[in-house]
Amino acid sequence: MRSPIKVAFYVYCAMLCVALLAAAPVATLSAGRQAPATPVFDLADRNRDGFVDRREAGAVPGLAERFDQMDSNHDGKLDRVEFARW
Protein backbone atom coordinates (compact mmCIF):
# COMPACT_ATOMS: atom_id res chain seq x y z
CA MET A 1 0.00 0.00 0.00
CA ARG A 2 1.26 3.47 -0.85
CA SER A 3 1.63 6.09 1.82
CA PRO A 4 -0.65 9.14 1.66
CA ILE A 5 2.40 11.40 1.31
CA LYS A 6 3.53 9.60 -1.85
CA VAL A 7 0.03 9.77 -3.33
CA ALA A 8 -0.20 13.48 -2.56
CA PHE A 9 3.23 14.03 -4.13
CA TYR A 10 2.22 12.22 -7.32
CA VAL A 11 -1.04 14.15 -7.55
CA TYR A 12 0.86 17.41 -7.02
CA CYS A 13 3.35 16.53 -9.80
CA ALA A 14 0.55 15.58 -12.17
CA MET A 15 -1.30 18.82 -11.49
CA LEU A 16 1.88 20.83 -11.99
CA CYS A 17 2.50 19.16 -15.36
CA VAL A 18 -1.07 19.81 -16.50
CA ALA A 19 -0.83 23.47 -15.43
CA LEU A 20 2.45 23.96 -17.30
CA LEU A 21 1.12 22.33 -20.44
CA ALA A 22 -2.05 24.40 -20.29
CA ALA A 23 -0.10 27.65 -19.88
CA ALA A 24 2.27 27.03 -22.81
CA PRO A 25 -0.17 28.05 -25.60
CA VAL A 26 -1.17 31.17 -23.68
CA ALA A 27 2.46 32.25 -23.37
CA THR A 28 2.97 31.67 -27.08
CA LEU A 29 -0.11 33.68 -28.04
CA SER A 30 0.76 36.55 -25.74
CA ALA A 31 4.08 36.97 -27.52
CA GLY A 32 2.15 38.12 -30.63
CA ARG A 33 3.92 38.67 -33.94
CA GLN A 34 6.70 40.75 -32.48
CA ALA A 35 10.12 39.54 -33.61
CA PRO A 36 13.28 40.35 -31.72
CA ALA A 37 14.99 43.63 -32.54
CA THR A 38 17.69 43.33 -35.16
CA PRO A 39 20.30 46.02 -35.76
CA VAL A 40 20.11 45.53 -39.54
CA PHE A 41 16.34 46.11 -39.51
CA ASP A 42 16.80 49.27 -37.46
CA LEU A 43 19.41 50.52 -39.91
CA ALA A 44 17.25 49.71 -42.94
CA ASP A 45 14.16 51.34 -41.45
CA ARG A 46 15.38 54.88 -42.05
CA ASN A 47 12.09 56.65 -41.39
CA ARG A 48 11.51 54.64 -38.17
CA ASP A 49 7.96 53.65 -39.01
CA GLY A 50 8.51 49.99 -38.07
CA PHE A 51 8.60 48.77 -41.68
CA VAL A 52 11.14 48.53 -44.50
CA ASP A 53 9.68 49.63 -47.82
CA ARG A 54 11.15 49.10 -51.30
CA ARG A 55 13.04 52.39 -51.26
CA GLU A 56 14.65 51.59 -47.91
CA ALA A 57 15.41 48.02 -49.03
CA GLY A 58 17.59 49.39 -51.84
CA ALA A 59 20.15 50.52 -49.26
CA VAL A 60 20.71 46.96 -47.94
CA PRO A 61 22.81 44.72 -50.20
CA GLY A 62 20.77 41.78 -51.50
CA LEU A 63 17.51 42.88 -49.90
CA ALA A 64 15.96 44.63 -52.89
CA GLU A 65 16.38 41.51 -55.04
CA ARG A 66 14.55 39.31 -52.51
CA PHE A 67 11.98 41.87 -51.40
CA ASP A 68 9.00 40.24 -53.17
CA GLN A 69 9.85 36.81 -51.75
CA MET A 70 10.18 38.20 -48.24
CA ASP A 71 6.97 40.25 -48.36
CA SER A 72 4.73 37.33 -47.40
CA ASN A 73 1.54 39.37 -46.99
CA HIS A 74 2.22 41.38 -50.18
CA ASP A 75 1.61 44.78 -48.59
CA GLY A 76 4.68 46.41 -50.15
CA LYS A 77 6.63 46.63 -46.92
CA LEU A 78 8.51 44.29 -44.59
CA ASP A 79 7.73 44.09 -40.91
CA ARG A 80 10.16 42.72 -38.31
CA VAL A 81 8.81 39.16 -38.63
CA GLU A 82 9.16 39.06 -42.41
CA PHE A 83 12.60 40.63 -42.14
CA ALA A 84 13.72 38.14 -39.48
CA ARG A 85 12.89 35.21 -41.81
CA TRP A 86 15.40 36.53 -44.34
PDB file of N, CA and C in Angstrom:
ATOM      1  N   MET A   1       0.836  -1.180   0.000  1.00  0.00           N
ATOM      2  CA  MET A   1       0.000   0.000   0.000  1.00  0.00           C
ATOM      3  C   MET A   1       0.883   1.246   0.000  1.00  0.00           C
ATOM      4  N   ARG A   2       0.480   2.239  -0.759  1.00  0.00           N
ATOM      5  CA  ARG A   2       1.261   3.475  -0.851  1.00  0.00           C
ATOM      6  C   ARG A   2       0.888   4.403   0.302  1.00  0.00           C
ATOM      7  N   SER A   3       1.887   5.149   0.732  1.00  0.00           N
ATOM      8  CA  SER A   3       1.629   6.091   1.816  1.00  0.00           C
ATOM      9  C   SER A   3       0.880   7.302   1.270  1.00  0.00           C
ATOM     10  N   PRO A   4       0.100   7.962   2.103  1.00  0.00           N
ATOM     11  CA  PRO A   4      -0.648   9.142   1.662  1.00  0.00           C
ATOM     12  C   PRO A   4       0.271  10.277   1.195  1.00  0.00           C
ATOM     13  N   ILE A   5       1.458  10.346   1.716  1.00  0.00           N
ATOM     14  CA  ILE A   5       2.398  11.399   1.308  1.00  0.00           C
ATOM     15  C   ILE A   5       2.853  11.166  -0.130  1.00  0.00           C
ATOM     16  N   LYS A   6       3.131   9.904  -0.473  1.00  0.00           N
ATOM     17  CA  LYS A   6       3.527   9.602  -1.848  1.00  0.00           C
ATOM     18  C   LYS A   6       2.390   9.892  -2.818  1.00  0.00           C
ATOM     19  N   VAL A   7       1.190   9.521  -2.474  1.00  0.00           N
ATOM     20  CA  VAL A   7       0.034   9.766  -3.333  1.00  0.00           C
ATOM     21  C   VAL A   7      -0.146  11.267  -3.531  1.00  0.00           C
ATOM     22  N   ALA A   8      -0.050  12.029  -2.461  1.00  0.00           N
ATOM     23  CA  ALA A   8      -0.195  13.481  -2.557  1.00  0.00           C
ATOM     24  C   ALA A   8       0.904  14.072  -3.437  1.00  0.00           C
ATOM     25  N   PHE A   9       2.111  13.555  -3.311  1.00  0.00           N
ATOM     26  CA  PHE A   9       3.226  14.034  -4.128  1.00  0.00           C
ATOM     27  C   PHE A   9       2.976  13.755  -5.609  1.00  0.00           C
ATOM     28  N   TYR A  10       2.505  12.564  -5.928  1.00  0.00           N
ATOM     29  CA  TYR A  10       2.220  12.216  -7.321  1.00  0.00           C
ATOM     30  C   TYR A  10       1.083  13.075  -7.884  1.00  0.00           C
ATOM     31  N   VAL A  11       0.062  13.301  -7.094  1.00  0.00           N
ATOM     32  CA  VAL A  11      -1.042  14.153  -7.546  1.00  0.00           C
ATOM     33  C   VAL A  11      -0.538  15.570  -7.780  1.00  0.00           C
ATOM     34  N   TYR A  12       0.286  16.076  -6.867  1.00  0.00           N
ATOM     35  CA  TYR A  12       0.859  17.412  -7.017  1.00  0.00           C
ATOM     36  C   TYR A  12       1.679  17.510  -8.309  1.00  0.00           C
ATOM     37  N   CYS A  13       2.535  16.526  -8.581  1.00  0.00           N
ATOM     38  CA  CYS A  13       3.355  16.533  -9.797  1.00  0.00           C
ATOM     39  C   CYS A  13       2.486  16.481 -11.051  1.00  0.00           C
ATOM     40  N   ALA A  14       1.451  15.672 -11.019  1.00  0.00           N
ATOM     41  CA  ALA A  14       0.555  15.575 -12.171  1.00  0.00           C
ATOM     42  C   ALA A  14      -0.160  16.903 -12.411  1.00  0.00           C
ATOM     43  N   MET A  15      -0.613  17.539 -11.348  1.00  0.00           N
ATOM     44  CA  MET A  15      -1.301  18.824 -11.489  1.00  0.00           C
ATOM     45  C   MET A  15      -0.347  19.905 -11.987  1.00  0.00           C
ATOM     46  N   LEU A  16       0.882  19.861 -11.536  1.00  0.00           N
ATOM     47  CA  LEU A  16       1.881  20.831 -11.988  1.00  0.00           C
ATOM     48  C   LEU A  16       2.153  20.662 -13.484  1.00  0.00           C
ATOM     49  N   CYS A  17       2.282  19.427 -13.935  1.00  0.00           N
ATOM     50  CA  CYS A  17       2.504  19.164 -15.362  1.00  0.00           C
ATOM     51  C   CYS A  17       1.322  19.640 -16.202  1.00  0.00           C
ATOM     52  N   VAL A  18       0.125  19.379 -15.759  1.00  0.00           N
ATOM     53  CA  VAL A  18      -1.066  19.810 -16.497  1.00  0.00           C
ATOM     54  C   VAL A  18      -1.114  21.335 -16.561  1.00  0.00           C
ATOM     55  N   ALA A  19      -0.806  22.005 -15.451  1.00  0.00           N
ATOM     56  CA  ALA A  19      -0.830  23.467 -15.432  1.00  0.00           C
ATOM     57  C   ALA A  19       0.212  24.050 -16.378  1.00  0.00           C
ATOM     58  N   LEU A  20       1.397  23.470 -16.405  1.00  0.00           N
ATOM     59  CA  LEU A  20       2.448  23.962 -17.295  1.00  0.00           C
ATOM     60  C   LEU A  20       2.086  23.745 -18.759  1.00  0.00           C
ATOM     61  N   LEU A  21       1.528  22.596 -19.063  1.00  0.00           N
ATOM     62  CA  LEU A  21       1.121  22.325 -20.439  1.00  0.00           C
ATOM     63  C   LEU A  21      -0.030  23.221 -20.865  1.00  0.00           C
ATOM     64  N   ALA A  22      -0.926  23.528 -19.956  1.00  0.00           N
ATOM     65  CA  ALA A  22      -2.053  24.398 -20.291  1.00  0.00           C
ATOM     66  C   ALA A  22      -1.609  25.839 -20.492  1.00  0.00           C
ATOM     67  N   ALA A  23      -0.568  26.258 -19.786  1.00  0.00           N
ATOM     68  CA  ALA A  23      -0.102  27.648 -19.879  1.00  0.00           C
ATOM     69  C   ALA A  23       0.778  27.883 -21.100  1.00  0.00           C
ATOM     70  N   ALA A  24       1.345  26.862 -21.687  1.00  0.00           N
ATOM     71  CA  ALA A  24       2.267  27.027 -22.812  1.00  0.00           C
ATOM     72  C   ALA A  24       1.619  27.722 -24.011  1.00  0.00           C
ATOM     73  N   PRO A  25       0.431  27.340 -24.463  1.00  0.00           N
ATOM     74  CA  PRO A  25      -0.166  28.046 -25.602  1.00  0.00           C
ATOM     75  C   PRO A  25      -0.485  29.500 -25.293  1.00  0.00           C
ATOM     76  N   VAL A  26      -0.864  29.797 -24.059  1.00  0.00           N
ATOM     77  CA  VAL A  26      -1.173  31.174 -23.680  1.00  0.00           C
ATOM     78  C   VAL A  26       0.085  32.029 -23.762  1.00  0.00           C
ATOM     79  N   ALA A  27       1.202  31.504 -23.307  1.00  0.00           N
ATOM     80  CA  ALA A  27       2.458  32.253 -23.368  1.00  0.00           C
ATOM     81  C   ALA A  27       2.871  32.487 -24.814  1.00  0.00           C
ATOM     82  N   THR A  28       2.626  31.523 -25.664  1.00  0.00           N
ATOM     83  CA  THR A  28       2.968  31.670 -27.077  1.00  0.00           C
ATOM     84  C   THR A  28       2.088  32.718 -27.743  1.00  0.00           C
ATOM     85  N   LEU A  29       0.807  32.710 -27.438  1.00  0.00           N
ATOM     86  CA  LEU A  29      -0.106  33.682 -28.037  1.00  0.00           C
ATOM     87  C   LEU A  29       0.157  35.086 -27.537  1.00  0.00           C
ATOM     88  N   SER A  30       0.545  35.217 -26.272  1.00  0.00           N
ATOM     89  CA  SER A  30       0.761  36.552 -25.738  1.00  0.00           C
ATOM     90  C   SER A  30       2.000  37.205 -26.329  1.00  0.00           C
ATOM     91  N   ALA A  31       2.882  36.406 -26.902  1.00  0.00           N
ATOM     92  CA  ALA A  31       4.076  36.974 -27.523  1.00  0.00           C
ATOM     93  C   ALA A  31       3.706  37.743 -28.785  1.00  0.00           C
ATOM     94  N   GLY A  32       2.596  37.412 -29.426  1.00  0.00           N
ATOM     95  CA  GLY A  32       2.148  38.116 -30.629  1.00  0.00           C
ATOM     96  C   GLY A  32       3.079  37.868 -31.787  1.00  0.00           C
ATOM     97  N   ARG A  33       3.083  38.799 -32.743  1.00  0.00           N
ATOM     98  CA  ARG A  33       3.917  38.673 -33.936  1.00  0.00           C
ATOM     99  C   ARG A  33       5.177  39.503 -33.828  1.00  0.00           C
ATOM    100  N   GLN A  34       5.531  39.900 -32.648  1.00  0.00           N
ATOM    101  CA  GLN A  34       6.699  40.755 -32.482  1.00  0.00           C
ATOM    102  C   GLN A  34       7.968  39.913 -32.558  1.00  0.00           C
ATOM    103  N   ALA A  35       8.834  40.225 -33.472  1.00  0.00           N
ATOM    104  CA  ALA A  35      10.119  39.541 -33.606  1.00  0.00           C
ATOM    105  C   ALA A  35      11.161  40.322 -32.819  1.00  0.00           C
ATOM    106  N   PRO A  36      12.238  39.653 -32.451  1.00  0.00           N
ATOM    107  CA  PRO A  36      13.276  40.355 -31.721  1.00  0.00           C
ATOM    108  C   PRO A  36      13.891  41.483 -32.551  1.00  0.00           C
ATOM    109  N   ALA A  37      14.365  42.496 -31.863  1.00  0.00           N
ATOM    110  CA  ALA A  37      14.993  43.626 -32.539  1.00  0.00           C
ATOM    111  C   ALA A  37      16.277  43.171 -33.221  1.00  0.00           C
ATOM    112  N   THR A  38      16.459  43.638 -34.433  1.00  0.00           N
ATOM    113  CA  THR A  38      17.685  43.329 -35.156  1.00  0.00           C
ATOM    114  C   THR A  38      18.330  44.638 -35.579  1.00  0.00           C
ATOM    115  N   PRO A  39      19.631  44.780 -35.381  1.00  0.00           N
ATOM    116  CA  PRO A  39      20.303  46.017 -35.759  1.00  0.00           C
ATOM    117  C   PRO A  39      20.183  46.326 -37.250  1.00  0.00           C
ATOM    118  N   VAL A  40      20.197  45.306 -38.097  1.00  0.00           N
ATOM    119  CA  VAL A  40      20.105  45.533 -39.541  1.00  0.00           C
ATOM    120  C   VAL A  40      18.728  46.100 -39.880  1.00  0.00           C
ATOM    121  N   PHE A  41      17.675  45.577 -39.261  1.00  0.00           N
ATOM    122  CA  PHE A  41      16.340  46.107 -39.507  1.00  0.00           C
ATOM    123  C   PHE A  41      16.275  47.571 -39.095  1.00  0.00           C
ATOM    124  N   ASP A  42      16.821  47.886 -37.936  1.00  0.00           N
ATOM    125  CA  ASP A  42      16.798  49.270 -37.463  1.00  0.00           C
ATOM    126  C   ASP A  42      17.573  50.195 -38.392  1.00  0.00           C
ATOM    127  N   LEU A  43      18.654  49.702 -38.967  1.00  0.00           N
ATOM    128  CA  LEU A  43      19.410  50.520 -39.914  1.00  0.00           C
ATOM    129  C   LEU A  43      18.648  50.693 -41.231  1.00  0.00           C
ATOM    130  N   ALA A  44      17.984  49.642 -41.673  1.00  0.00           N
ATOM    131  CA  ALA A  44      17.254  49.706 -42.943  1.00  0.00           C
ATOM    132  C   ALA A  44      15.998  50.571 -42.820  1.00  0.00           C
ATOM    133  N   ASP A  45      15.381  50.561 -41.664  1.00  0.00           N
ATOM    134  CA  ASP A  45      14.160  51.337 -41.453  1.00  0.00           C
ATOM    135  C   ASP A  45      14.530  52.791 -41.157  1.00  0.00           C
ATOM    136  N   ARG A  46      14.863  53.511 -42.206  1.00  0.00           N
ATOM    137  CA  ARG A  46      15.382  54.879 -42.054  1.00  0.00           C
ATOM    138  C   ARG A  46      14.352  55.869 -41.520  1.00  0.00           C
ATOM    139  N   ASN A  47      13.084  55.696 -41.870  1.00  0.00           N
ATOM    140  CA  ASN A  47      12.085  56.649 -41.387  1.00  0.00           C
ATOM    141  C   ASN A  47      11.457  56.227 -40.052  1.00  0.00           C
ATOM    142  N   ARG A  48      11.919  55.134 -39.490  1.00  0.00           N
ATOM    143  CA  ARG A  48      11.514  54.644 -38.166  1.00  0.00           C
ATOM    144  C   ARG A  48      10.003  54.434 -38.018  1.00  0.00           C
ATOM    145  N   ASP A  49       9.385  53.927 -39.092  1.00  0.00           N
ATOM    146  CA  ASP A  49       7.956  53.648 -39.014  1.00  0.00           C
ATOM    147  C   ASP A  49       7.650  52.200 -38.651  1.00  0.00           C
ATOM    148  N   GLY A  50       8.701  51.393 -38.440  1.00  0.00           N
ATOM    149  CA  GLY A  50       8.510  49.985 -38.072  1.00  0.00           C
ATOM    150  C   GLY A  50       8.425  49.049 -39.259  1.00  0.00           C
ATOM    151  N   PHE A  51       8.638  49.568 -40.465  1.00  0.00           N
ATOM    152  CA  PHE A  51       8.601  48.769 -41.684  1.00  0.00           C
ATOM    153  C   PHE A  51       9.760  49.162 -42.587  1.00  0.00           C
ATOM    154  N   VAL A  52      10.144  48.242 -43.463  1.00  0.00           N
ATOM    155  CA  VAL A  52      11.140  48.527 -44.500  1.00  0.00           C
ATOM    156  C   VAL A  52      10.410  48.471 -45.828  1.00  0.00           C
ATOM    157  N   ASP A  53      10.341  49.608 -46.522  1.00  0.00           N
ATOM    158  CA  ASP A  53       9.677  49.628 -47.822  1.00  0.00           C
ATOM    159  C   ASP A  53      10.707  49.397 -48.933  1.00  0.00           C
ATOM    160  N   ARG A  54      10.259  49.374 -50.168  1.00  0.00           N
ATOM    161  CA  ARG A  54      11.154  49.097 -51.300  1.00  0.00           C
ATOM    162  C   ARG A  54      12.298  50.095 -51.397  1.00  0.00           C
ATOM    163  N   ARG A  55      12.000  51.355 -51.159  1.00  0.00           N
ATOM    164  CA  ARG A  55      13.037  52.385 -51.261  1.00  0.00           C
ATOM    165  C   ARG A  55      14.116  52.156 -50.195  1.00  0.00           C
ATOM    166  N   GLU A  56      13.701  51.853 -48.986  1.00  0.00           N
ATOM    167  CA  GLU A  56      14.652  51.590 -47.911  1.00  0.00           C
ATOM    168  C   GLU A  56      15.423  50.295 -48.157  1.00  0.00           C
ATOM    169  N   ALA A  57      14.766  49.299 -48.762  1.00  0.00           N
ATOM    170  CA  ALA A  57      15.412  48.016 -49.033  1.00  0.00           C
ATOM    171  C   ALA A  57      16.564  48.167 -50.007  1.00  0.00           C
ATOM    172  N   GLY A  58      16.523  49.172 -50.878  1.00  0.00           N
ATOM    173  CA  GLY A  58      17.592  49.388 -51.843  1.00  0.00           C
ATOM    174  C   GLY A  58      18.924  49.717 -51.198  1.00  0.00           C
ATOM    175  N   ALA A  59      18.912  50.165 -49.947  1.00  0.00           N
ATOM    176  CA  ALA A  59      20.151  50.516 -49.259  1.00  0.00           C
ATOM    177  C   ALA A  59      20.829  49.312 -48.612  1.00  0.00           C
ATOM    178  N   VAL A  60      20.145  48.174 -48.566  1.00  0.00           N
ATOM    179  CA  VAL A  60      20.705  46.964 -47.941  1.00  0.00           C
ATOM    180  C   VAL A  60      21.091  45.985 -49.036  1.00  0.00           C
ATOM    181  N   PRO A  61      22.369  45.630 -49.127  1.00  0.00           N
ATOM    182  CA  PRO A  61      22.810  44.715 -50.201  1.00  0.00           C
ATOM    183  C   PRO A  61      22.045  43.393 -50.187  1.00  0.00           C
ATOM    184  N   GLY A  62      21.476  43.044 -51.336  1.00  0.00           N
ATOM    185  CA  GLY A  62      20.768  41.779 -51.495  1.00  0.00           C
ATOM    186  C   GLY A  62      19.308  41.816 -51.093  1.00  0.00           C
ATOM    187  N   LEU A  63      18.888  42.836 -50.378  1.00  0.00           N
ATOM    188  CA  LEU A  63      17.509  42.878 -49.897  1.00  0.00           C
ATOM    189  C   LEU A  63      16.523  43.252 -50.998  1.00  0.00           C
ATOM    190  N   ALA A  64      16.871  44.193 -51.828  1.00  0.00           N
ATOM    191  CA  ALA A  64      15.959  44.634 -52.887  1.00  0.00           C
ATOM    192  C   ALA A  64      15.629  43.486 -53.845  1.00  0.00           C
ATOM    193  N   GLU A  65      16.600  42.633 -54.118  1.00  0.00           N
ATOM    194  CA  GLU A  65      16.383  41.511 -55.038  1.00  0.00           C
ATOM    195  C   GLU A  65      15.421  40.477 -54.463  1.00  0.00           C
ATOM    196  N   ARG A  66      15.390  40.333 -53.149  1.00  0.00           N
ATOM    197  CA  ARG A  66      14.546  39.314 -52.514  1.00  0.00           C
ATOM    198  C   ARG A  66      13.295  39.902 -51.874  1.00  0.00           C
ATOM    199  N   PHE A  67      13.067  41.179 -52.085  1.00  0.00           N
ATOM    200  CA  PHE A  67      11.977  41.872 -51.403  1.00  0.00           C
ATOM    201  C   PHE A  67      10.628  41.192 -51.631  1.00  0.00           C
ATOM    202  N   ASP A  68      10.296  40.864 -52.865  1.00  0.00           N
ATOM    203  CA  ASP A  68       9.000  40.245 -53.167  1.00  0.00           C
ATOM    204  C   ASP A  68       8.837  38.884 -52.506  1.00  0.00           C
ATOM    205  N   GLN A  69       9.905  38.110 -52.412  1.00  0.00           N
ATOM    206  CA  GLN A  69       9.848  36.811 -51.754  1.00  0.00           C
ATOM    207  C   GLN A  69       9.633  36.972 -50.251  1.00  0.00           C
ATOM    208  N   MET A  70      10.256  37.992 -49.683  1.00  0.00           N
ATOM    209  CA  MET A  70      10.176  38.200 -48.239  1.00  0.00           C
ATOM    210  C   MET A  70       8.844  38.808 -47.808  1.00  0.00           C
ATOM    211  N   ASP A  71       8.223  39.578 -48.670  1.00  0.00           N
ATOM    212  CA  ASP A  71       6.968  40.252 -48.358  1.00  0.00           C
ATOM    213  C   ASP A  71       5.825  39.247 -48.429  1.00  0.00           C
ATOM    214  N   SER A  72       5.670  38.449 -47.383  1.00  0.00           N
ATOM    215  CA  SER A  72       4.732  37.326 -47.404  1.00  0.00           C
ATOM    216  C   SER A  72       3.267  37.764 -47.458  1.00  0.00           C
ATOM    217  N   ASN A  73       2.923  38.925 -46.926  1.00  0.00           N
ATOM    218  CA  ASN A  73       1.535  39.371 -46.990  1.00  0.00           C
ATOM    219  C   ASN A  73       1.291  40.348 -48.143  1.00  0.00           C
ATOM    220  N   HIS A  74       2.298  40.569 -48.951  1.00  0.00           N
ATOM    221  CA  HIS A  74       2.218  41.383 -50.176  1.00  0.00           C
ATOM    222  C   HIS A  74       1.620  42.779 -49.945  1.00  0.00           C
ATOM    223  N   ASP A  75       2.094  43.436 -48.864  1.00  0.00           N
ATOM    224  CA  ASP A  75       1.613  44.781 -48.593  1.00  0.00           C
ATOM    225  C   ASP A  75       2.614  45.863 -49.015  1.00  0.00           C
ATOM    226  N   GLY A  76       3.705  45.447 -49.659  1.00  0.00           N
ATOM    227  CA  GLY A  76       4.684  46.407 -50.154  1.00  0.00           C
ATOM    228  C   GLY A  76       5.668  46.905 -49.126  1.00  0.00           C
ATOM    229  N   LYS A  77       5.678  46.256 -47.963  1.00  0.00           N
ATOM    230  CA  LYS A  77       6.633  46.625 -46.920  1.00  0.00           C
ATOM    231  C   LYS A  77       6.936  45.397 -46.068  1.00  0.00           C
ATOM    232  N   LEU A  78       8.091  45.406 -45.436  1.00  0.00           N
ATOM    233  CA  LEU A  78       8.514  44.290 -44.594  1.00  0.00           C
ATOM    234  C   LEU A  78       8.401  44.698 -43.132  1.00  0.00           C
ATOM    235  N   ASP A  79       7.736  43.852 -42.344  1.00  0.00           N
ATOM    236  CA  ASP A  79       7.733  44.095 -40.911  1.00  0.00           C
ATOM    237  C   ASP A  79       8.884  43.311 -40.287  1.00  0.00           C
ATOM    238  N   ARG A  80       9.032  43.385 -38.978  1.00  0.00           N
ATOM    239  CA  ARG A  80      10.158  42.716 -38.306  1.00  0.00           C
ATOM    240  C   ARG A  80      10.117  41.205 -38.475  1.00  0.00           C
ATOM    241  N   VAL A  81       8.929  40.619 -38.485  1.00  0.00           N
ATOM    242  CA  VAL A  81       8.809  39.160 -38.626  1.00  0.00           C
ATOM    243  C   VAL A  81       9.253  38.732 -40.018  1.00  0.00           C
ATOM    244  N   GLU A  82       8.765  39.405 -41.035  1.00  0.00           N
ATOM    245  CA  GLU A  82       9.157  39.064 -42.413  1.00  0.00           C
ATOM    246  C   GLU A  82      10.653  39.276 -42.590  1.00  0.00           C
ATOM    247  N   PHE A  83      11.184  40.337 -42.026  1.00  0.00           N
ATOM    248  CA  PHE A  83      12.595  40.626 -42.145  1.00  0.00           C
ATOM    249  C   PHE A  83      13.442  39.579 -41.427  1.00  0.00           C
ATOM    250  N   ALA A  84      12.969  39.122 -40.268  1.00  0.00           N
ATOM    251  CA  ALA A  84      13.718  38.140 -39.483  1.00  0.00           C
ATOM    252  C   ALA A  84      13.815  36.793 -40.194  1.00  0.00           C
ATOM    253  N   ARG A  85      12.857  36.485 -41.071  1.00  0.00           N
ATOM    254  CA  ARG A  85      12.894  35.212 -41.808  1.00  0.00           C
ATOM    255  C   ARG A  85      13.937  35.221 -42.909  1.00  0.00           C
ATOM    256  N   TRP A  86      14.448  36.383 -43.244  1.00  0.00           N
ATOM    257  CA  TRP A  86      15.402  36.534 -44.341  1.00  0.00           C
ATOM    258  C   TRP A  86      16.712  35.934 -44.017  1.00  0.00           C
TER     259      TRP A  86
END
